[in-house]
Each structure stands twice: as C-alpha cells, then as structure tokens.
C-alpha cells in the first residue's frame, strides 16, 4: 500500500516485470518476472515452472478483515510470512513472501542471512526486520525515480491518492496460499491436484473470483508471474538439437531465445531511464524554450494535459502503483 506517511525511506515501486526482475537479480535469485495478460492454460504453460503470482489491486480503506475469495486464515502456516509495517514497501515485501517459500532456491548471501535471521519470528517482527534492512531498502529504491524536486514547505493542499497493494499467491504444502502483508495471517485457499496444471489451476479459480468483484472493464489490477529464467534452458536445448542435427527445431528455439534477449535489453534500457536524474536536462530545456519564446505555449499545453489526466483518473483509467 502506498502513502505519504510512515514510508521510512521506502519509495514507490512500479508494477513492471523489468523492475521486479532487476530486484531479484540484486538479491541473487535466479528467477525472472513477466506480465500476465491471461490466466489461460496456454499462457501459463509458457512460464512453467511457475513459482508464484503477484497480484496488484486497488486498496480501499475499511475493507473487511475476513479472508478474500472464500479462503481461511492459517495462523499455523509453517512457511515464511511477514507483515507490512511501513508504507511503500509492499512490492519488495511481496517478493520476500514469495521467495521465502520456494524450497531449495539459490539466493545471495545477504538475503540468505536475512531469512535465517527472521526464522521463527512472528509476522510483525519479521516485517520490522525486513523493512529495517538498509541494503534491502536500497535495492528496493534503486529503480525508483530520483526525488530531485521537493514540494515541502509550499503549503500545497493535501490530496487523497489512490493506494495500490501487492499480494502473492503460491503453492505450499499441497495448498494454494494468499500472502498479504496487511492481513493477520496467510490465507489458505485449499488443496490442489498435482496432476494436470497443478497449483495454477486452483490459483486461477481464486484470482478470477477476486477479479470478478471489480466492475466490468476495470483496469485497477495487474498480475505478474515469478518463474524460472528460460534463457539457460533454451541455450541447452538449442545446443542439444544442433548436435543431433535437428536444425529446424533448433531454429525455432533460437527465435524464442532472441525474443528473450531482446526483452532483457529493453528492461535494462527502461531501468536505466528510471535511475537517471533528469533535473539538469529539464533546467536546460526550460531555459532554452524561454529564450526561444516557446515556454508559455508549452506551459498551457502541459496544463491541458494535466487536466485530461485528472479526468481520466477520475474515470479509473489510470493506476499509480505502490
């Protein structure tokens, strides 16, 4: 959940697969994150093995404390679960609640030490330990736009911003769980069959039931998938097929590998833009526009664009991520 108060230095995070994948890389975790535009079996099959789903939705204050979509609280959940104790941290907290429950997962030494340190703690204390970790907060903030301009001290009117929240769905002990750092305990949604699609079939049922509670056509949520990095597997399969003389099959996988590499290059470029401080560029641009007599017209255009954005937001067409 996002907000202005009690952020403790944690900044807003975009719901973007490149951002989450870069965070996992920083944590030393060899997994990647992709957008999910469909819960169809064919779309999910492309991402197997699939370890967890991250669901972003509009958070509304005063919501019922009862579990969503028919699940039941499991206060005896034996896995890792941490509460969200500061605002703006729930993206990384969702990642931690996910990777903390993937058995045998490789991870960096700092992350391993943190998870070992929190073992046996109650959810509230675990959440405090996580959000008090300087290195983890720095990793979280690394892909947030630099705060180059401060509006403090201008006595601007307070505005109420929509808040969005990240939660996790994953398999654990033969059941599908919902891990929400704002809930008192993990929510157990029932057992799943190991055959067929496995846990994702049950997760689809739960998520679709939740999405159905939103108005038709709503865009107030998004879904991300945490899964194995396909690049090493594709490289190995291509080498095997080429060695066996199956050039046509290898060529198909080469196309897939090329698409994956292009996606990583795009993520890297977009992340570099997120990290860049544009204050110097903005100052030079405004100065030159003023000298050329074009600043006033641009200012009026910006006001018009802002008003259009405000109207779109009122209609629910825009979404600011936690």
C-alpha atoms as a PDB file:
ATOM      1  CA  UNK A   1       0.000   0.000   0.000  1.00  0.00           C
ATOM      2  CA  UNK A   2       1.285   3.428  -0.892  1.00  0.00           C
ATOM      3  CA  UNK A   3       1.005   6.606   1.105  1.00  0.00           C
ATOM      4  CA  UNK A   4       2.814   9.737   2.164  1.00  0.00           C
ATOM      5  CA  UNK A   5       3.189   8.925   5.851  1.00  0.00           C
ATOM      6  CA  UNK A   6       5.351   6.335   7.568  1.00  0.00           C
ATOM      7  CA  UNK A   7       7.290   5.355   4.443  1.00  0.00           C
ATOM      8  CA  UNK A   8      10.560   5.208   6.459  1.00  0.00           C
ATOM      9  CA  UNK A   9      12.585   5.942   3.330  1.00  0.00           C
ATOM     10  CA  UNK A  10      10.851   3.364   1.100  1.00  0.00           C
ATOM     11  CA  UNK A  11       9.840   4.806  -2.268  1.00  0.00           C
ATOM     12  CA  UNK A  12       7.015   3.917  -4.643  1.00  0.00           C
ATOM     13  CA  UNK A  13       7.691   0.985  -6.972  1.00  0.00           C
ATOM     14  CA  UNK A  14       6.287   0.380 -10.444  1.00  0.00           C
ATOM     15  CA  UNK A  15       4.391  -2.788 -11.257  1.00  0.00           C
ATOM     16  CA  UNK A  16       6.839  -3.657 -14.015  1.00  0.00           C
ATOM     17  CA  UNK A  17       8.453  -7.035 -14.746  1.00  0.00           C
ATOM     18  CA  UNK A  18      11.806  -5.411 -15.518  1.00  0.00           C
ATOM     19  CA  UNK A  19      11.825  -3.739 -12.101  1.00  0.00           C
ATOM     20  CA  UNK A  20      10.982  -6.948 -10.253  1.00  0.00           C
ATOM     21  CA  UNK A  21      13.474  -8.996 -12.263  1.00  0.00           C
ATOM     22  CA  UNK A  22      16.240  -6.484 -11.506  1.00  0.00           C
ATOM     23  CA  UNK A  23      15.323  -6.665  -7.809  1.00  0.00           C
ATOM     24  CA  UNK A  24      15.572 -10.465  -7.874  1.00  0.00           C
ATOM     25  CA  UNK A  25      18.939 -10.198  -9.619  1.00  0.00           C
ATOM     26  CA  UNK A  26      20.157  -7.829  -6.887  1.00  0.00           C
ATOM     27  CA  UNK A  27      19.001 -10.361  -4.278  1.00  0.00           C
ATOM     28  CA  UNK A  28      20.988 -13.091  -6.036  1.00  0.00           C
ATOM     29  CA  UNK A  29      17.850 -15.012  -7.028  1.00  0.00           C
ATOM     30  CA  UNK A  30      17.971 -16.681 -10.499  1.00  0.00           C
ATOM     31  CA  UNK A  31      14.281 -16.112 -11.312  1.00  0.00           C
ATOM     32  CA  UNK A  32      12.528 -13.661 -13.617  1.00  0.00           C
ATOM     33  CA  UNK A  33       9.174 -11.894 -13.607  1.00  0.00           C
ATOM     34  CA  UNK A  34       6.798 -11.460 -16.541  1.00  0.00           C
ATOM     35  CA  UNK A  35       3.476  -9.730 -17.057  1.00  0.00           C
ATOM     36  CA  UNK A  36       0.449 -11.990 -17.259  1.00  0.00           C
ATOM     37  CA  UNK A  37      -2.309 -10.804 -19.555  1.00  0.00           C
ATOM     38  CA  UNK A  38      -4.283 -14.024 -19.408  1.00  0.00           C
ATOM     39  CA  UNK A  39      -4.816 -16.906 -16.991  1.00  0.00           C
ATOM     40  CA  UNK A  40      -5.496 -19.341 -19.818  1.00  0.00           C
ATOM     41  CA  UNK A  41      -3.652 -22.677 -19.536  1.00  0.00           C
ATOM     42  CA  UNK A  42      -1.701 -21.922 -22.724  1.00  0.00           C
ATOM     43  CA  UNK A  43      -0.375 -18.615 -21.352  1.00  0.00           C
ATOM     44  CA  UNK A  44       0.626 -20.176 -18.042  1.00  0.00           C
ATOM     45  CA  UNK A  45       2.239 -23.204 -19.704  1.00  0.00           C
ATOM     46  CA  UNK A  46       4.745 -20.889 -21.413  1.00  0.00           C
ATOM     47  CA  UNK A  47       6.009 -19.785 -17.970  1.00  0.00           C
ATOM     48  CA  UNK A  48       6.477 -23.155 -16.327  1.00  0.00           C
ATOM     49  CA  UNK A  49       7.927 -23.900 -13.867  1.00  0.00           C
ATOM     50  CA  UNK A  50       5.862 -21.133 -12.269  1.00  0.00           C
ATOM     51  CA  UNK A  51       6.619 -20.422  -8.603  1.00  0.00           C
ATOM     52  CA  UNK A  52       4.301 -17.574  -7.577  1.00  0.00           C
ATOM     53  CA  UNK A  53       1.874 -14.940  -8.835  1.00  0.00           C
ATOM     54  CA  UNK A  54       1.994 -11.298  -7.691  1.00  0.00           C
ATOM     55  CA  UNK A  55      -1.374  -9.549  -7.781  1.00  0.00           C
ATOM     56  CA  UNK A  56      -1.641  -5.744  -7.734  1.00  0.00           C
ATOM     57  CA  UNK A  57      -5.007  -4.238  -6.867  1.00  0.00           C
ATOM     58  CA  UNK A  58      -6.603  -1.032  -5.660  1.00  0.00           C
ATOM     59  CA  UNK A  59      -6.630  -0.967  -1.871  1.00  0.00           C
ATOM     60  CA  UNK A  60      -9.677   0.509  -0.180  1.00  0.00           C
ATOM     61  CA  UNK A  61      -9.542   1.570   3.457  1.00  0.00           C
ATOM     62  CA  UNK A  62     -12.046  -0.049   5.777  1.00  0.00           C
ATOM     63  CA  UNK A  63     -12.106  -3.331   3.869  1.00  0.00           C
ATOM     64  CA  UNK A  64     -13.302  -6.372   5.776  1.00  0.00           C
ATOM     65  CA  UNK A  65     -10.639  -8.223   7.717  1.00  0.00           C
ATOM     66  CA  UNK A  66     -12.174 -11.505   6.588  1.00  0.00           C
ATOM     67  CA  UNK A  67     -10.186 -13.574   4.071  1.00  0.00           C
ATOM     68  CA  UNK A  68     -10.995 -12.927   0.435  1.00  0.00           C
ATOM     69  CA  UNK A  69     -12.448 -15.326  -2.133  1.00  0.00           C
ATOM     70  CA  UNK A  70     -13.588 -17.910   0.368  1.00  0.00           C
ATOM     71  CA  UNK A  71     -10.221 -18.747   1.934  1.00  0.00           C
ATOM     72  CA  UNK A  72      -9.470 -19.294   5.595  1.00  0.00           C
ATOM     73  CA  UNK A  73      -6.751 -17.811   7.770  1.00  0.00           C
ATOM     74  CA  UNK A  74      -3.987 -20.262   8.649  1.00  0.00           C
ATOM     75  CA  UNK A  75      -2.261 -18.916  11.767  1.00  0.00           C
ATOM     76  CA  UNK A  76      -0.150 -22.090  11.901  1.00  0.00           C
ATOM     77  CA  UNK A  77       1.338 -21.546   8.446  1.00  0.00           C
ATOM     78  CA  UNK A  78       4.800 -23.127   8.707  1.00  0.00           C
ATOM     79  CA  UNK A  79       6.440 -21.100   5.942  1.00  0.00           C
ATOM     80  CA  UNK A  80       7.758 -17.548   5.778  1.00  0.00           C
ATOM     81  CA  UNK A  81       5.303 -14.687   6.231  1.00  0.00           C
ATOM     82  CA  UNK A  82       5.993 -11.047   7.097  1.00  0.00           C
ATOM     83  CA  UNK A  83       3.639  -8.158   7.796  1.00  0.00           C
ATOM     84  CA  UNK A  84       3.915  -4.814   6.047  1.00  0.00           C
ATOM     85  CA  UNK A  85       4.835  -2.318   8.757  1.00  0.00           C
ATOM     86  CA  UNK A  86       5.697   0.731   6.593  1.00  0.00           C
ATOM     87  CA  UNK A  87       4.081   2.234   3.510  1.00  0.00           C
ATOM     88  CA  UNK A  88       5.540   1.829   0.011  1.00  0.00           C
ATOM     89  CA  UNK A  89       7.377  -1.402   0.916  1.00  0.00           C
ATOM     90  CA  UNK A  90       4.770  -3.933  -0.165  1.00  0.00           C
ATOM     91  CA  UNK A  91       6.292  -4.640  -3.590  1.00  0.00           C
ATOM     92  CA  UNK A  92       9.518  -5.913  -2.043  1.00  0.00           C
ATOM     93  CA  UNK A  93       7.572  -7.491   0.808  1.00  0.00           C
ATOM     94  CA  UNK A  94       5.509  -9.447  -1.727  1.00  0.00           C
ATOM     95  CA  UNK A  95       8.736 -10.632  -3.353  1.00  0.00           C
ATOM     96  CA  UNK A  96      10.121 -11.655   0.049  1.00  0.00           C
ATOM     97  CA  UNK A  97       6.930 -13.510   0.970  1.00  0.00           C
ATOM     98  CA  UNK A  98       7.200 -15.363  -2.338  1.00  0.00           C
ATOM     99  CA  UNK A  99      10.873 -16.319  -2.484  1.00  0.00           C
ATOM    100  CA  UNK A 100      10.937 -17.089   1.239  1.00  0.00           C
ATOM    101  CA  UNK A 101       8.668 -20.063   0.484  1.00  0.00           C
ATOM    102  CA  UNK A 102      10.421 -21.562  -2.551  1.00  0.00           C
ATOM    103  CA  UNK A 103      12.366 -24.573  -1.286  1.00  0.00           C
ATOM    104  CA  UNK A 104      15.936 -25.011  -2.484  1.00  0.00           C
ATOM    105  CA  UNK A 105      16.058 -21.584  -4.113  1.00  0.00           C
ATOM    106  CA  UNK A 106      19.503 -20.137  -4.768  1.00  0.00           C
ATOM    107  CA  UNK A 107      19.995 -16.665  -3.308  1.00  0.00           C
ATOM    108  CA  UNK A 108      22.643 -14.140  -2.411  1.00  0.00           C
ATOM    109  CA  UNK A 109      24.388 -14.234   0.988  1.00  0.00           C
ATOM    110  CA  UNK A 110      22.675 -11.101   2.346  1.00  0.00           C
ATOM    111  CA  UNK A 111      19.223 -12.450   1.529  1.00  0.00           C
ATOM    112  CA  UNK A 112      20.066 -15.876   2.951  1.00  0.00           C
ATOM    113  CA  UNK A 113      21.312 -14.255   6.146  1.00  0.00           C
ATOM    114  CA  UNK A 114      18.164 -12.140   6.464  1.00  0.00           C
ATOM    115  CA  UNK A 115      15.844 -15.117   6.004  1.00  0.00           C
ATOM    116  CA  UNK A 116      17.865 -17.127   8.507  1.00  0.00           C
ATOM    117  CA  UNK A 117      17.707 -14.251  10.985  1.00  0.00           C
ATOM    118  CA  UNK A 118      13.910 -13.985  10.694  1.00  0.00           C
ATOM    119  CA  UNK A 119      13.306 -17.733  11.023  1.00  0.00           C
ATOM    120  CA  UNK A 120      10.911 -18.380  13.894  1.00  0.00           C
ATOM    121  CA  UNK A 121       9.846 -14.734  14.227  1.00  0.00           C
ATOM    122  CA  UNK A 122       6.180 -13.749  14.248  1.00  0.00           C
ATOM    123  CA  UNK A 123       4.939 -11.909  11.106  1.00  0.00           C
ATOM    124  CA  UNK A 124       5.074  -8.465  12.720  1.00  0.00           C
ATOM    125  CA  UNK A 125       8.657  -8.861  13.914  1.00  0.00           C
ATOM    126  CA  UNK A 126       9.683 -10.336  10.560  1.00  0.00           C
ATOM    127  CA  UNK A 127       8.188  -7.321   8.809  1.00  0.00           C
ATOM    128  CA  UNK A 128      10.098  -4.965  11.073  1.00  0.00           C
ATOM    129  CA  UNK A 129      13.345  -6.839  10.435  1.00  0.00           C
ATOM    130  CA  UNK A 130      12.852  -6.707   6.673  1.00  0.00           C
ATOM    131  CA  UNK A 131      11.921  -3.033   6.440  1.00  0.00           C
ATOM    132  CA  UNK A 132      14.776  -2.117   8.813  1.00  0.00           C
ATOM    133  CA  UNK A 133      17.296  -3.700   6.442  1.00  0.00           C
ATOM    134  CA  UNK A 134      19.258  -0.842   4.865  1.00  0.00           C
ATOM    135  CA  UNK A 135      20.646  -2.890   1.978  1.00  0.00           C
ATOM    136  CA  UNK A 136      17.197  -4.235   1.070  1.00  0.00           C
ATOM    137  CA  UNK A 137      15.657  -0.749   1.142  1.00  0.00           C
ATOM    138  CA  UNK A 138      18.464   0.486  -1.108  1.00  0.00           C
ATOM    139  CA  UNK A 139      17.803  -2.364  -3.546  1.00  0.00           C
ATOM    140  CA  UNK A 140      14.096  -1.519  -3.497  1.00  0.00           C
ATOM    141  CA  UNK A 141      14.710   2.204  -4.084  1.00  0.00           C
ATOM    142  CA  UNK A 142      17.372   1.681  -6.759  1.00  0.00           C
ATOM    143  CA  UNK A 143      14.800   1.622  -9.564  1.00  0.00           C
ATOM    144  CA  UNK A 144      12.585   4.408  -8.253  1.00  0.00           C
ATOM    145  CA  UNK A 145      12.895   7.804  -9.969  1.00  0.00           C
ATOM    146  CA  UNK A 146      15.249  10.145  -8.073  1.00  0.00           C
ATOM    147  CA  UNK A 147      13.430  12.683  -5.896  1.00  0.00           C
ATOM    148  CA  UNK A 148      15.089  15.714  -7.434  1.00  0.00           C
ATOM    149  CA  UNK A 149      12.315  18.218  -6.715  1.00  0.00           C
ATOM    150  CA  UNK A 150      10.810  18.716  -3.270  1.00  0.00           C
ATOM    151  CA  UNK A 151       7.415  20.344  -2.744  1.00  0.00           C
ATOM    152  CA  UNK A 152       7.783  20.536   1.024  1.00  0.00           C
ATOM    153  CA  UNK A 153       7.173  23.933   2.604  1.00  0.00           C
ATOM    154  CA  UNK A 154       4.943  25.172  -0.227  1.00  0.00           C
ATOM    155  CA  UNK A 155       1.741  24.697   1.803  1.00  0.00           C
ATOM    156  CA  UNK A 156       0.075  22.922  -1.108  1.00  0.00           C
ATOM    157  CA  UNK A 157      -3.402  21.485  -0.436  1.00  0.00           C
ATOM    158  CA  UNK A 158      -3.451  17.878   0.679  1.00  0.00           C
ATOM    159  CA  UNK A 159      -4.819  15.448  -1.891  1.00  0.00           C
ATOM    160  CA  UNK A 160      -6.017  11.895  -1.439  1.00  0.00           C
ATOM    161  CA  UNK A 161      -4.198   9.499  -3.733  1.00  0.00           C
ATOM    162  CA  UNK A 162      -5.481   6.057  -4.654  1.00  0.00           C
ATOM    163  CA  UNK A 163      -3.445   3.332  -2.983  1.00  0.00           C
ATOM    164  CA  UNK A 164      -2.449   0.079  -4.664  1.00  0.00           C
ATOM    165  CA  UNK A 165      -1.221  -3.038  -2.957  1.00  0.00           C
ATOM    166  CA  UNK A 166       0.819  -6.142  -3.908  1.00  0.00           C
ATOM    167  CA  UNK A 167      -0.016  -9.626  -2.613  1.00  0.00           C
ATOM    168  CA  UNK A 168       1.212 -13.115  -3.514  1.00  0.00           C
ATOM    169  CA  UNK A 169      -0.412 -16.411  -4.485  1.00  0.00           C
ATOM    170  CA  UNK A 170       1.764 -19.523  -4.301  1.00  0.00           C
ATOM    171  CA  UNK A 171       1.743 -23.249  -3.537  1.00  0.00           C
ATOM    172  CA  UNK A 172       2.852 -24.500  -0.140  1.00  0.00           C
ATOM    173  CA  UNK A 173       2.377 -27.906   1.458  1.00  0.00           C
ATOM    174  CA  UNK A 174      -0.126 -29.038  -1.170  1.00  0.00           C
ATOM    175  CA  UNK A 175      -2.381 -25.974  -0.871  1.00  0.00           C
ATOM    176  CA  UNK A 176      -2.616 -22.577  -2.549  1.00  0.00           C
ATOM    177  CA  UNK A 177      -1.937 -19.677  -0.189  1.00  0.00           C
ATOM    178  CA  UNK A 178      -2.520 -15.950  -0.403  1.00  0.00           C
ATOM    179  CA  UNK A 179       0.156 -13.923   1.387  1.00  0.00           C
ATOM    180  CA  UNK A 180      -0.939 -10.357   2.096  1.00  0.00           C
ATOM    181  CA  UNK A 181       1.277  -8.319   4.393  1.00  0.00           C
ATOM    182  CA  UNK A 182      -1.751  -6.334   5.580  1.00  0.00           C
ATOM    183  CA  UNK A 183      -3.625  -9.470   6.694  1.00  0.00           C
ATOM    184  CA  UNK A 184      -3.209 -11.051  10.109  1.00  0.00           C
ATOM    185  CA  UNK A 185      -2.098 -14.412   8.673  1.00  0.00           C
ATOM    186  CA  UNK A 186      -1.692 -16.264   5.366  1.00  0.00           C
ATOM    187  CA  UNK A 187      -4.985 -17.208   3.720  1.00  0.00           C
ATOM    188  CA  UNK A 188      -5.353 -20.869   2.757  1.00  0.00           C
ATOM    189  CA  UNK A 189      -7.447 -21.410  -0.359  1.00  0.00           C
ATOM    190  CA  UNK A 190      -7.476 -25.185  -0.287  1.00  0.00           C
ATOM    191  CA  UNK A 191      -5.623 -28.148  -1.708  1.00  0.00           C
ATOM    192  CA  UNK A 192      -4.740 -28.557  -5.366  1.00  0.00           C
ATOM    193  CA  UNK A 193      -4.214 -31.568  -7.584  1.00  0.00           C
ATOM    194  CA  UNK A 194      -0.643 -32.404  -8.540  1.00  0.00           C
ATOM    195  CA  UNK A 195      -1.848 -33.669 -11.917  1.00  0.00           C
ATOM    196  CA  UNK A 196      -2.693 -31.507 -14.901  1.00  0.00           C
ATOM    197  CA  UNK A 197      -1.851 -27.846 -14.359  1.00  0.00           C
ATOM    198  CA  UNK A 198      -1.054 -28.370 -10.696  1.00  0.00           C
ATOM    199  CA  UNK A 199      -1.394 -25.418  -8.338  1.00  0.00           C
ATOM    200  CA  UNK A 200      -2.038 -22.822 -11.032  1.00  0.00           C
ATOM    201  CA  UNK A 201      -5.491 -24.270 -11.738  1.00  0.00           C
ATOM    202  CA  UNK A 202      -6.557 -23.572  -8.157  1.00  0.00           C
ATOM    203  CA  UNK A 203      -4.849 -20.160  -8.186  1.00  0.00           C
ATOM    204  CA  UNK A 204      -6.696 -19.246 -11.388  1.00  0.00           C
ATOM    205  CA  UNK A 205     -10.013 -20.069  -9.731  1.00  0.00           C
ATOM    206  CA  UNK A 206      -9.203 -17.881  -6.710  1.00  0.00           C
ATOM    207  CA  UNK A 207      -7.836 -14.924  -8.710  1.00  0.00           C
ATOM    208  CA  UNK A 208     -10.699 -14.950 -11.203  1.00  0.00           C
ATOM    209  CA  UNK A 209     -13.177 -14.913  -8.307  1.00  0.00           C
ATOM    210  CA  UNK A 210     -11.391 -11.870  -6.920  1.00  0.00           C
ATOM    211  CA  UNK A 211     -11.259 -10.083 -10.276  1.00  0.00           C
ATOM    212  CA  UNK A 212     -14.989 -10.732 -10.685  1.00  0.00           C
ATOM    213  CA  UNK A 213     -15.629  -8.445  -7.695  1.00  0.00           C
ATOM    214  CA  UNK A 214     -14.433  -5.452  -9.761  1.00  0.00           C
ATOM    215  CA  UNK A 215     -16.708  -3.592 -12.195  1.00  0.00           C
ATOM    216  CA  UNK A 216     -16.672  -4.947 -15.779  1.00  0.00           C
ATOM    217  CA  UNK A 217     -13.799  -3.499 -17.789  1.00  0.00           C
ATOM    218  CA  UNK A 218     -11.929  -2.387 -14.695  1.00  0.00           C
ATOM    219  CA  UNK A 219      -8.168  -1.877 -15.023  1.00  0.00           C
ATOM    220  CA  UNK A 220      -7.496  -1.497 -11.313  1.00  0.00           C
ATOM    221  CA  UNK A 221      -5.356  -4.605 -11.055  1.00  0.00           C
ATOM    222  CA  UNK A 222      -2.471  -6.381 -12.764  1.00  0.00           C
ATOM    223  CA  UNK A 223      -0.790  -9.765 -12.482  1.00  0.00           C
ATOM    224  CA  UNK A 224       2.887 -10.787 -12.572  1.00  0.00           C
ATOM    225  CA  UNK A 225       4.411 -14.265 -12.696  1.00  0.00           C
ATOM    226  CA  UNK A 226       7.611 -15.351 -10.923  1.00  0.00           C
ATOM    227  CA  UNK A 227       9.199 -18.229 -12.827  1.00  0.00           C
ATOM    228  CA  UNK A 228      12.479 -19.856 -13.785  1.00  0.00           C
ATOM    229  CA  UNK A 229      14.712 -17.947 -16.176  1.00  0.00           C
ATOM    230  CA  UNK A 230      14.112 -19.651 -19.561  1.00  0.00           C
ATOM    231  CA  UNK A 231      17.400 -18.489 -21.117  1.00  0.00           C
ATOM    232  CA  UNK A 232      19.715 -21.224 -19.713  1.00  0.00           C
ATOM    233  CA  UNK A 233      17.186 -23.922 -20.628  1.00  0.00           C
ATOM    234  CA  UNK A 234      16.760 -22.580 -24.155  1.00  0.00           C
ATOM    235  CA  UNK A 235      20.524 -22.394 -24.658  1.00  0.00           C
ATOM    236  CA  UNK A 236      20.925 -26.012 -23.537  1.00  0.00           C
ATOM    237  CA  UNK A 237      18.074 -27.248 -25.731  1.00  0.00           C
ATOM    238  CA  UNK A 238      19.438 -25.432 -28.774  1.00  0.00           C
ATOM    239  CA  UNK A 239      22.871 -26.967 -28.285  1.00  0.00           C
ATOM    240  CA  UNK A 240      21.379 -30.465 -27.965  1.00  0.00           C
ATOM    241  CA  UNK A 241      19.195 -30.101 -31.044  1.00  0.00           C
ATOM    242  CA  UNK A 242      22.032 -28.700 -33.146  1.00  0.00           C
ATOM    243  CA  UNK A 243      24.328 -31.527 -32.045  1.00  0.00           C
ATOM    244  CA  UNK A 244      21.656 -34.046 -33.066  1.00  0.00           C
ATOM    245  CA  UNK A 245      21.211 -32.399 -36.450  1.00  0.00           C
ATOM    246  CA  UNK A 246      17.689 -31.117 -35.793  1.00  0.00           C
ATOM    247  CA  UNK A 247      18.321 -27.700 -37.278  1.00  0.00           C
ATOM    248  CA  UNK A 248      14.685 -26.697 -37.906  1.00  0.00           C
ATOM    249  CA  UNK A 249      13.651 -27.374 -34.291  1.00  0.00           C
ATOM    250  CA  UNK A 250      16.761 -25.551 -33.080  1.00  0.00           C
ATOM    251  CA  UNK A 251      15.910 -22.568 -35.279  1.00  0.00           C
ATOM    252  CA  UNK A 252      12.506 -22.235 -33.584  1.00  0.00           C
ATOM    253  CA  UNK A 253      14.155 -22.087 -30.184  1.00  0.00           C
ATOM    254  CA  UNK A 254      16.732 -19.602 -31.460  1.00  0.00           C
ATOM    255  CA  UNK A 255      13.842 -17.242 -32.229  1.00  0.00           C
ATOM    256  CA  UNK A 256      12.497 -17.671 -28.689  1.00  0.00           C
ATOM    257  CA  UNK A 257      15.951 -17.054 -27.239  1.00  0.00           C
ATOM    258  CA  UNK A 258      16.343 -13.936 -29.377  1.00  0.00           C
ATOM    259  CA  UNK A 259      12.999 -12.633 -28.115  1.00  0.00           C
ATOM    260  CA  UNK A 260      14.050 -13.238 -24.511  1.00  0.00           C
ATOM    261  CA  UNK A 261      17.356 -11.436 -25.011  1.00  0.00           C
ATOM    262  CA  UNK A 262      15.597  -8.503 -26.697  1.00  0.00           C
ATOM    263  CA  UNK A 263      13.243  -8.283 -23.742  1.00  0.00           C
ATOM    264  CA  UNK A 264      16.189  -8.164 -21.301  1.00  0.00           C
ATOM    265  CA  UNK A 265      17.796  -5.393 -23.354  1.00  0.00           C
ATOM    266  CA  UNK A 266      14.555  -3.407 -23.246  1.00  0.00           C
ATOM    267  CA  UNK A 267      14.288  -3.912 -19.481  1.00  0.00           C
ATOM    268  CA  UNK A 268      17.877  -2.765 -18.997  1.00  0.00           C
ATOM    269  CA  UNK A 269      17.243   0.369 -21.071  1.00  0.00           C
ATOM    270  CA  UNK A 270      13.998   1.197 -19.233  1.00  0.00           C
ATOM    271  CA  UNK A 271      15.659   0.650 -15.857  1.00  0.00           C
ATOM    272  CA  UNK A 272      18.497   2.989 -16.829  1.00  0.00           C
ATOM    273  CA  UNK A 273      15.892   5.655 -17.599  1.00  0.00           C
ATOM    274  CA  UNK A 274      14.275   5.100 -14.204  1.00  0.00           C
ATOM    275  CA  UNK A 275      17.594   5.608 -12.419  1.00  0.00           C
ATOM    276  CA  UNK A 276      18.580   8.752 -14.306  1.00  0.00           C
ATOM    277  CA  UNK A 277      18.241  12.191 -12.702  1.00  0.00           C
ATOM    278  CA  UNK A 278      16.720  14.479 -15.330  1.00  0.00           C
ATOM    279  CA  UNK A 279      16.901  17.724 -13.323  1.00  0.00           C
ATOM    280  CA  UNK A 280      19.842  19.170 -15.291  1.00  0.00           C
ATOM    281  CA  UNK A 281      18.221  18.284 -18.596  1.00  0.00           C
ATOM    282  CA  UNK A 282      14.897  19.814 -17.528  1.00  0.00           C
ATOM    283  CA  UNK A 283      16.588  23.043 -16.418  1.00  0.00           C
ATOM    284  CA  UNK A 284      18.468  23.385 -19.711  1.00  0.00           C
ATOM    285  CA  UNK A 285      15.353  22.584 -21.736  1.00  0.00           C
ATOM    286  CA  UNK A 286      13.187  25.154 -19.931  1.00  0.00           C
ATOM    287  CA  UNK A 287      15.908  27.775 -20.240  1.00  0.00           C
ATOM    288  CA  UNK A 288      16.247  27.281 -23.986  1.00  0.00           C
ATOM    289  CA  UNK A 289      12.474  27.205 -24.505  1.00  0.00           C
ATOM    290  CA  UNK A 290      12.159  30.510 -22.629  1.00  0.00           C
ATOM    291  CA  UNK A 291      14.870  32.088 -24.791  1.00  0.00           C
ATOM    292  CA  UNK A 292      13.054  30.869 -27.900  1.00  0.00           C
ATOM    293  CA  UNK A 293       9.702  32.247 -26.683  1.00  0.00           C
ATOM    294  CA  UNK A 294       8.087  28.819 -26.610  1.00  0.00           C
ATOM    295  CA  UNK A 295       7.771  28.277 -22.861  1.00  0.00           C
ATOM    296  CA  UNK A 296       4.346  29.916 -22.347  1.00  0.00           C
ATOM    297  CA  UNK A 297       2.706  27.810 -25.066  1.00  0.00           C
ATOM    298  CA  UNK A 298       4.280  24.671 -23.646  1.00  0.00           C
ATOM    299  CA  UNK A 299       3.044  25.583 -20.163  1.00  0.00           C
ATOM    300  CA  UNK A 300      -0.534  25.941 -21.411  1.00  0.00           C
ATOM    301  CA  UNK A 301      -0.252  22.611 -23.204  1.00  0.00           C
ATOM    302  CA  UNK A 302       1.016  20.972 -20.031  1.00  0.00           C
ATOM    303  CA  UNK A 303      -1.900  22.393 -18.038  1.00  0.00           C
ATOM    304  CA  UNK A 304      -4.325  20.960 -20.587  1.00  0.00           C
ATOM    305  CA  UNK A 305      -2.607  17.559 -20.495  1.00  0.00           C
ATOM    306  CA  UNK A 306      -2.700  17.578 -16.677  1.00  0.00           C
ATOM    307  CA  UNK A 307      -6.413  18.330 -16.657  1.00  0.00           C
ATOM    308  CA  UNK A 308      -7.028  15.490 -19.107  1.00  0.00           C
ATOM    309  CA  UNK A 309      -5.030  13.158 -16.866  1.00  0.00           C
ATOM    310  CA  UNK A 310      -7.063  14.233 -13.840  1.00  0.00           C
ATOM    311  CA  UNK A 311     -10.283  13.490 -15.708  1.00  0.00           C
ATOM    312  CA  UNK A 312      -9.004  10.096 -16.806  1.00  0.00           C
ATOM    313  CA  UNK A 313      -8.008   9.293 -13.242  1.00  0.00           C
ATOM    314  CA  UNK A 314     -11.484  10.200 -12.023  1.00  0.00           C
ATOM    315  CA  UNK A 315     -12.847   7.686 -14.545  1.00  0.00           C
ATOM    316  CA  UNK A 316     -10.464   4.996 -13.248  1.00  0.00           C
ATOM    317  CA  UNK A 317      -8.395   4.836 -16.430  1.00  0.00           C
ATOM    318  CA  UNK A 318      -5.079   5.499 -14.680  1.00  0.00           C
ATOM    319  CA  UNK A 319      -3.350   3.466 -11.975  1.00  0.00           C
ATOM    320  CA  UNK A 320      -0.490   4.564  -9.735  1.00  0.00           C
ATOM    321  CA  UNK A 321       1.412   1.570  -8.372  1.00  0.00           C
ATOM    322  CA  UNK A 322       2.577   1.072  -4.821  1.00  0.00           C
END
